[in-house]
Amino acid sequence: MHNRLQGAARRLLALALGLSLLAGAATAHAEGRLRIAEQFGVVYLLLNVAQDQKLIEKHGKKRGVDIQVEWTKLSGGASVNDALLSGSIDIAGAGVGPLLTIWDRTVGKQNVRGVASLGNFPYYLVTNNPSVNTIADFTDKDRIALPAVTVSVQARILQMAAARQWGDREFARLDKLTQALPHPDAAAAIIAGKTEISAHFGNPPFQDQELAQNRRAKIVLNSYDVLGGPSSATVLYATEKFRSENPKTYAAFVDALAEAAQFIGANPEAAADIYLRVNKSNIDRALLLKILRDPQVQFKIAPQNTFTLAQFLHRIGAIKNQPKSWRDYFFDDAATANGS
């Protein structure tokens, strides 16, 4: 009798342990929570629409998951990358430059890769200095505002332009003039023209506001000219662990982005209103609509023309791992299969 009782106790203990392990596994792989970091500008309109229309939650329900979405706004790719590696966020929104930096750092470890593009947008380097017409005209008296020095996509494109102007060995020639500043603050400085900031490598709508509100403001550089055509400057990325452990949440997120892109294309006026509402923006609505209808602005989730920058960063030693194609630093998904 005693032995039978001991055997039953052991079986109950084993069953309890098994259930505990199963519960632990379920917790580790629990779906339904999504923490997203975005930054400033129209380039994040896909996320604005997804948030306003609750598209992530909608597509989650289609896949049988109730998704709780948390939104965080940061400034600069370095801050976004730190948040992703610390586990504070699940989806990072930043430039291709920060993506390539974190991909290079995490190969064989967290394996961070791109999830989708936020669209193609020309980024302008705008100055209010009448003496500056090309990047060769900048002097030590100028200060160029960027969302993050060195790592941001604007900083990397500026380095590409410098390398073309003075050779690869001089790619960092203008770095000493750059200063990290959030886009809204940089735009205010260019418009006012009363600070040490004499240039801003920004994104829409801030670059457009600068040109519209300061008659001295002019374009020094267009990112499309440096990269050789329309390109996806801003992207979304995540760790391999999050993608593999949350397949339904991940898929719902990508589906939501695709629907948001279709929505903006079909309803630019409604999309403009969403941008104003979500961002509590005071930008002139007519100017915003002009941006959304610009043929150079394309809202789509498949990345385009990102490999040129990747090759450059490897050539100058900014990243150690050499990507063979854009597929090395983007996840393999049907929704982004036609990327480049």
Protein backbone atom coordinates (compact mmCIF):
# COMPACT_ATOMS: atom_id res chain seq x y z
CA MET A 1 0.00 0.00 0.00
CA HIS A 2 2.80 2.38 0.96
CA ASN A 3 4.63 1.72 -2.33
CA ARG A 4 1.45 2.29 -4.31
CA LEU A 5 0.89 5.60 -2.54
CA GLN A 6 4.48 6.64 -3.26
CA GLY A 7 4.03 5.71 -6.93
CA ALA A 8 0.83 7.71 -7.19
CA ALA A 9 2.52 10.68 -5.55
CA ARG A 10 5.41 10.50 -8.01
CA ARG A 11 3.00 10.34 -10.93
CA LEU A 12 1.09 13.36 -9.63
CA LEU A 13 4.35 15.24 -9.14
CA ALA A 14 5.46 14.39 -12.68
CA LEU A 15 2.10 15.47 -14.06
CA ALA A 16 2.27 18.77 -12.16
CA LEU A 17 5.82 19.34 -13.39
CA GLY A 18 4.76 18.60 -16.96
CA LEU A 19 1.85 21.01 -16.74
CA SER A 20 4.16 23.64 -15.27
CA LEU A 21 6.64 23.23 -18.14
CA LEU A 22 3.81 23.45 -20.66
CA ALA A 23 2.54 26.61 -19.02
CA GLY A 24 6.03 28.07 -19.09
CA ALA A 25 6.37 27.25 -22.77
CA ALA A 26 2.99 28.81 -23.49
CA THR A 27 4.05 31.95 -21.68
CA ALA A 28 7.33 32.15 -23.59
CA HIS A 29 5.53 31.80 -26.89
CA ALA A 30 2.43 33.77 -25.96
CA GLU A 31 1.07 35.78 -28.86
CA GLY A 32 -1.03 38.90 -28.81
CA ARG A 33 1.31 41.64 -27.59
CA LEU A 34 3.03 44.02 -29.99
CA ARG A 35 5.22 46.95 -28.97
CA ILE A 36 6.11 49.29 -31.83
CA ALA A 37 8.59 52.18 -31.91
CA GLU A 38 8.02 54.90 -34.50
CA GLN A 39 9.60 58.29 -35.10
CA PHE A 40 8.51 61.58 -36.64
CA GLY A 41 7.16 62.35 -40.09
CA VAL A 42 4.88 61.33 -42.94
CA VAL A 43 7.18 58.38 -43.54
CA TYR A 44 5.40 56.71 -40.61
CA LEU A 45 1.94 57.20 -42.09
CA LEU A 46 1.45 53.46 -42.62
CA LEU A 47 1.75 53.02 -38.86
CA ASN A 48 -0.51 56.02 -38.21
CA VAL A 49 -3.25 54.51 -40.38
CA ALA A 50 -2.82 51.07 -38.81
CA GLN A 51 -3.12 52.64 -35.36
CA ASP A 52 -6.11 54.85 -36.20
CA GLN A 53 -8.05 52.16 -38.03
CA LYS A 54 -6.98 49.38 -35.62
CA LEU A 55 -5.82 47.28 -38.56
CA ILE A 56 -3.38 45.18 -36.53
CA GLU A 57 -6.14 44.19 -34.14
CA LYS A 58 -8.45 43.49 -37.10
CA HIS A 59 -6.00 41.14 -38.80
CA GLY A 60 -5.11 39.55 -35.49
CA LYS A 61 -8.74 38.55 -34.97
CA LYS A 62 -8.75 37.00 -38.45
CA ARG A 63 -5.93 34.77 -37.26
CA GLY A 64 -7.56 34.02 -33.92
CA VAL A 65 -5.40 36.34 -31.81
CA ASP A 66 -6.44 39.35 -29.72
CA ILE A 67 -3.48 41.70 -30.14
CA GLN A 68 -2.70 44.44 -27.66
CA VAL A 69 -0.65 47.11 -29.44
CA GLU A 70 1.62 49.53 -27.60
CA TRP A 71 3.01 52.58 -29.44
CA THR A 72 6.24 54.37 -28.51
CA LYS A 73 7.71 57.45 -30.20
CA LEU A 74 11.49 57.83 -30.20
CA SER A 75 13.97 59.99 -32.08
CA GLY A 76 16.99 58.59 -33.89
CA GLY A 77 18.01 55.14 -35.07
CA ALA A 78 20.49 54.67 -32.22
CA SER A 79 17.72 55.03 -29.61
CA VAL A 80 15.45 52.70 -31.55
CA ASN A 81 18.17 50.06 -31.89
CA ASP A 82 18.94 50.23 -28.16
CA ALA A 83 15.25 49.75 -27.37
CA LEU A 84 15.02 46.71 -29.65
CA LEU A 85 18.12 45.01 -28.25
CA SER A 86 17.04 45.69 -24.68
CA GLY A 87 13.70 43.98 -25.31
CA SER A 88 11.69 47.16 -24.71
CA ILE A 89 10.05 46.97 -28.15
CA ASP A 90 9.21 44.25 -30.67
CA ILE A 91 9.09 46.25 -33.92
CA ALA A 92 11.58 49.01 -34.66
CA GLY A 93 10.90 51.85 -37.08
CA ALA A 94 13.99 53.63 -38.38
CA GLY A 95 16.12 54.22 -41.44
CA VAL A 96 17.87 51.63 -43.56
CA GLY A 97 21.15 52.82 -42.04
CA PRO A 98 20.19 51.80 -38.48
CA LEU A 99 18.76 48.51 -39.83
CA LEU A 100 22.05 47.64 -41.52
CA THR A 101 23.98 48.61 -38.39
CA ILE A 102 21.92 46.38 -36.08
CA TRP A 103 21.75 43.55 -38.65
CA ASP A 104 25.54 43.56 -38.80
CA ARG A 105 25.86 43.55 -35.00
CA THR A 106 23.38 40.70 -34.48
CA VAL A 107 24.29 38.21 -37.23
CA GLY A 108 24.39 34.79 -35.56
CA LYS A 109 22.89 36.19 -32.34
CA GLN A 110 19.55 38.04 -32.25
CA ASN A 111 19.51 38.01 -36.07
CA VAL A 112 17.66 41.28 -36.55
CA ARG A 113 16.23 41.70 -40.04
CA GLY A 114 13.85 43.94 -41.91
CA VAL A 115 10.11 43.25 -41.75
CA ALA A 116 8.84 45.73 -44.34
CA SER A 117 9.40 49.12 -45.89
CA LEU A 118 7.30 52.13 -44.98
CA GLY A 119 7.47 53.38 -48.56
CA ASN A 120 9.70 55.40 -50.87
CA PHE A 121 10.35 59.02 -49.92
CA PRO A 122 12.88 61.58 -51.16
CA TYR A 123 14.80 63.03 -48.23
CA TYR A 124 16.10 66.58 -48.70
CA LEU A 125 19.16 68.21 -47.19
CA VAL A 126 17.80 71.75 -46.75
CA THR A 127 19.83 74.84 -45.84
CA ASN A 128 18.98 78.44 -44.99
CA ASN A 129 22.58 79.55 -45.62
CA PRO A 130 22.62 81.56 -48.89
CA SER A 131 26.32 80.70 -49.40
CA VAL A 132 25.64 76.95 -49.59
CA ASN A 133 24.56 75.46 -52.91
CA THR A 134 26.31 72.07 -52.75
CA ILE A 135 27.79 70.01 -49.92
CA ALA A 136 31.21 71.36 -50.93
CA ASP A 137 30.12 74.81 -49.73
CA PHE A 138 29.63 73.85 -46.08
CA THR A 139 32.22 75.30 -43.70
CA ASP A 140 33.08 74.78 -40.05
CA LYS A 141 30.54 77.48 -39.19
CA ASP A 142 27.65 75.32 -40.45
CA ARG A 143 25.75 72.76 -38.40
CA ILE A 144 23.71 70.04 -40.11
CA ALA A 145 20.85 68.62 -38.03
CA LEU A 146 20.14 64.88 -38.29
CA PRO A 147 17.94 62.53 -36.23
CA ALA A 148 21.12 60.68 -35.17
CA VAL A 149 24.74 61.30 -36.11
CA THR A 150 26.60 58.56 -38.02
CA VAL A 151 23.96 55.81 -37.72
CA SER A 152 20.84 57.51 -39.17
CA VAL A 153 19.97 56.97 -42.82
CA GLN A 154 20.38 60.71 -43.40
CA ALA A 155 23.89 60.57 -41.94
CA ARG A 156 24.76 57.57 -44.12
CA ILE A 157 23.43 59.21 -47.29
CA LEU A 158 25.43 62.33 -46.45
CA GLN A 159 28.51 60.10 -46.17
CA MET A 160 27.72 58.57 -49.56
CA ALA A 161 27.50 62.05 -51.06
CA ALA A 162 30.80 63.04 -49.42
CA ALA A 163 32.48 59.90 -50.79
CA ARG A 164 31.32 60.79 -54.29
CA GLN A 165 32.49 64.37 -53.89
CA TRP A 166 35.92 63.71 -52.35
CA GLY A 167 36.49 59.93 -52.58
CA ASP A 168 35.74 57.00 -50.25
CA ARG A 169 38.54 57.91 -47.84
CA GLU A 170 36.79 61.21 -47.19
CA PHE A 171 33.32 59.72 -46.55
CA ALA A 172 33.26 61.16 -43.00
CA ARG A 173 34.42 64.63 -44.02
CA LEU A 174 31.13 66.31 -43.05
CA ASP A 175 30.46 64.24 -39.91
CA LYS A 176 32.04 66.91 -37.69
CA LEU A 177 29.33 69.34 -38.81
CA THR A 178 26.40 67.08 -37.93
CA GLN A 179 24.30 67.37 -34.80
CA ALA A 180 21.58 65.07 -33.46
CA LEU A 181 18.23 66.82 -33.26
CA PRO A 182 14.62 65.58 -33.58
CA HIS A 183 13.05 66.55 -36.90
CA PRO A 184 10.44 68.95 -35.40
CA ASP A 185 13.14 70.88 -33.53
CA ALA A 186 15.44 70.97 -36.56
CA ALA A 187 12.64 72.23 -38.80
CA ALA A 188 11.80 74.99 -36.32
CA ALA A 189 15.45 76.04 -36.33
CA ILE A 190 15.65 76.20 -40.14
CA ILE A 191 12.39 78.13 -40.40
CA ALA A 192 13.39 80.65 -37.72
CA GLY A 193 16.96 80.99 -39.00
CA LYS A 194 18.22 82.26 -35.66
CA THR A 195 20.24 79.32 -34.33
CA GLU A 196 23.56 77.68 -35.17
CA ILE A 197 21.64 75.08 -37.19
CA SER A 198 22.06 76.10 -40.84
CA ALA A 199 20.99 72.84 -42.49
CA HIS A 200 18.71 69.91 -41.82
CA PHE A 201 18.71 66.52 -43.51
CA GLY A 202 15.15 65.61 -42.74
CA ASN A 203 12.09 63.92 -44.18
CA PRO A 204 8.54 64.91 -45.12
CA PRO A 205 6.68 66.93 -43.93
CA PHE A 206 9.44 68.82 -42.09
CA GLN A 207 11.57 69.46 -45.17
CA ASP A 208 8.49 70.71 -47.02
CA GLN A 209 7.55 73.03 -44.18
CA GLU A 210 11.06 74.50 -44.21
CA LEU A 211 10.89 75.22 -47.92
CA ALA A 212 7.39 76.70 -47.63
CA GLN A 213 7.98 78.87 -44.56
CA ASN A 214 11.48 80.23 -45.10
CA ARG A 215 12.11 81.88 -48.45
CA ARG A 216 15.86 81.45 -47.97
CA ALA A 217 15.55 77.69 -47.55
CA LYS A 218 16.67 75.57 -50.50
CA ILE A 219 17.51 71.98 -51.33
CA VAL A 220 21.20 71.10 -51.33
CA LEU A 221 20.81 67.34 -51.77
CA ASN A 222 18.05 64.87 -52.68
CA SER A 223 18.48 61.31 -51.39
CA TYR A 224 17.11 59.88 -54.65
CA ASP A 225 20.00 61.51 -56.54
CA VAL A 226 22.55 59.95 -54.20
CA LEU A 227 20.95 56.48 -54.18
CA GLY A 228 20.19 56.43 -57.90
CA GLY A 229 16.40 56.62 -57.81
CA PRO A 230 13.38 56.00 -55.57
CA SER A 231 14.37 54.13 -52.45
CA SER A 232 12.99 52.91 -49.14
CA ALA A 233 14.82 55.09 -46.66
CA THR A 234 12.72 54.12 -43.63
CA VAL A 235 11.86 50.55 -42.67
CA LEU A 236 10.58 48.28 -39.91
CA TYR A 237 12.62 45.49 -38.37
CA ALA A 238 12.55 42.89 -35.59
CA THR A 239 14.49 40.03 -34.02
CA GLU A 240 14.30 36.50 -35.37
CA LYS A 241 13.10 35.34 -31.94
CA PHE A 242 10.05 37.59 -31.96
CA ARG A 243 9.11 36.56 -35.49
CA SER A 244 9.46 32.83 -34.83
CA GLU A 245 7.68 32.88 -31.46
CA ASN A 246 4.79 35.11 -32.60
CA PRO A 247 3.94 33.98 -36.15
CA LYS A 248 0.28 35.02 -36.02
CA THR A 249 0.97 38.42 -34.48
CA TYR A 250 3.80 39.02 -36.94
CA ALA A 251 1.66 38.02 -39.94
CA ALA A 252 -1.23 40.20 -38.74
CA PHE A 253 1.16 43.15 -38.50
CA VAL A 254 2.41 42.71 -42.07
CA ASP A 255 -1.17 42.27 -43.34
CA ALA A 256 -2.14 45.49 -41.54
CA LEU A 257 0.71 47.38 -43.21
CA ALA A 258 -0.36 46.14 -46.64
CA GLU A 259 -3.95 47.27 -46.01
CA ALA A 260 -2.72 50.65 -44.75
CA ALA A 261 -0.73 51.16 -47.96
CA GLN A 262 -3.81 50.41 -50.05
CA PHE A 263 -5.91 52.74 -47.90
CA ILE A 264 -3.52 55.68 -48.36
CA GLY A 265 -3.37 55.17 -52.12
CA ALA A 266 -7.15 55.10 -52.43
CA ASN A 267 -7.95 57.74 -49.78
CA PRO A 268 -5.23 60.42 -49.59
CA GLU A 269 -7.57 62.98 -48.00
CA ALA A 270 -8.68 60.59 -45.27
CA ALA A 271 -5.03 59.57 -44.77
CA ALA A 272 -4.07 63.23 -44.37
CA ASP A 273 -6.74 63.66 -41.70
CA ILE A 274 -5.43 60.57 -39.90
CA TYR A 275 -1.90 61.98 -39.90
CA LEU A 276 -3.13 65.27 -38.44
CA ARG A 277 -5.23 63.49 -35.83
CA VAL A 278 -2.75 60.84 -34.68
CA ASN A 279 0.24 63.18 -34.57
CA LYS A 280 -1.71 66.20 -33.28
CA SER A 281 0.05 68.05 -36.09
CA ASN A 282 -0.55 71.66 -37.08
CA ILE A 283 0.90 71.28 -40.59
CA ASP A 284 -1.08 72.98 -43.33
CA ARG A 285 -3.46 70.35 -44.69
CA ALA A 286 -3.00 71.49 -48.30
CA LEU A 287 0.78 71.07 -47.98
CA LEU A 288 0.30 67.63 -46.46
CA LEU A 289 -1.96 66.55 -49.32
CA LYS A 290 0.61 67.84 -51.80
CA ILE A 291 3.19 65.55 -50.19
CA LEU A 292 0.89 62.52 -50.23
CA ARG A 293 0.09 63.07 -53.91
CA ASP A 294 3.70 63.65 -54.96
CA PRO A 295 4.59 61.00 -57.59
CA GLN A 296 7.98 60.58 -55.88
CA VAL A 297 6.21 59.47 -52.68
CA GLN A 298 5.14 55.83 -52.86
CA PHE A 299 3.46 53.99 -50.00
CA LYS A 300 4.32 50.29 -50.28
CA ILE A 301 5.79 47.65 -48.00
CA ALA A 302 8.26 45.91 -50.32
CA PRO A 303 11.69 47.54 -49.87
CA GLN A 304 13.20 49.20 -52.94
CA ASN A 305 16.77 50.14 -53.79
CA THR A 306 18.29 49.47 -50.35
CA PHE A 307 21.28 47.42 -51.51
CA THR A 308 23.23 50.42 -52.84
CA LEU A 309 23.56 51.78 -49.32
CA ALA A 310 24.39 48.33 -47.92
CA GLN A 311 27.25 47.93 -50.39
CA PHE A 312 28.58 51.38 -49.54
CA LEU A 313 28.53 50.76 -45.79
CA HIS A 314 30.50 47.54 -46.22
CA ARG A 315 32.96 49.20 -48.57
CA ILE A 316 33.84 51.93 -46.05
CA GLY A 317 33.97 49.46 -43.15
CA ALA A 318 30.84 50.69 -41.38
CA ILE A 319 29.48 47.12 -41.36
CA LYS A 320 31.70 44.03 -41.18
CA ASN A 321 29.38 41.45 -42.71
CA GLN A 322 29.02 41.74 -46.47
CA PRO A 323 25.42 41.24 -47.62
CA LYS A 324 25.15 39.38 -50.90
CA SER A 325 21.72 40.89 -51.59
CA TRP A 326 18.92 42.76 -49.81
CA ARG A 327 17.49 39.39 -48.78
CA ASP A 328 20.31 38.92 -46.29
CA TYR A 329 18.99 41.70 -44.07
CA PHE A 330 15.22 41.27 -44.67
CA PHE A 331 13.06 38.36 -43.56
CA ASP A 332 11.81 36.11 -46.32
CA ASP A 333 8.10 36.92 -46.59
CA ALA A 334 5.68 36.74 -49.51
CA ALA A 335 4.50 40.31 -48.89
CA THR A 336 7.98 41.73 -49.50
CA ALA A 337 9.22 39.19 -52.05
CA ASN A 338 9.52 41.79 -54.85
CA GLY A 339 11.93 43.99 -52.92
CA SER A 340 15.39 45.17 -53.77
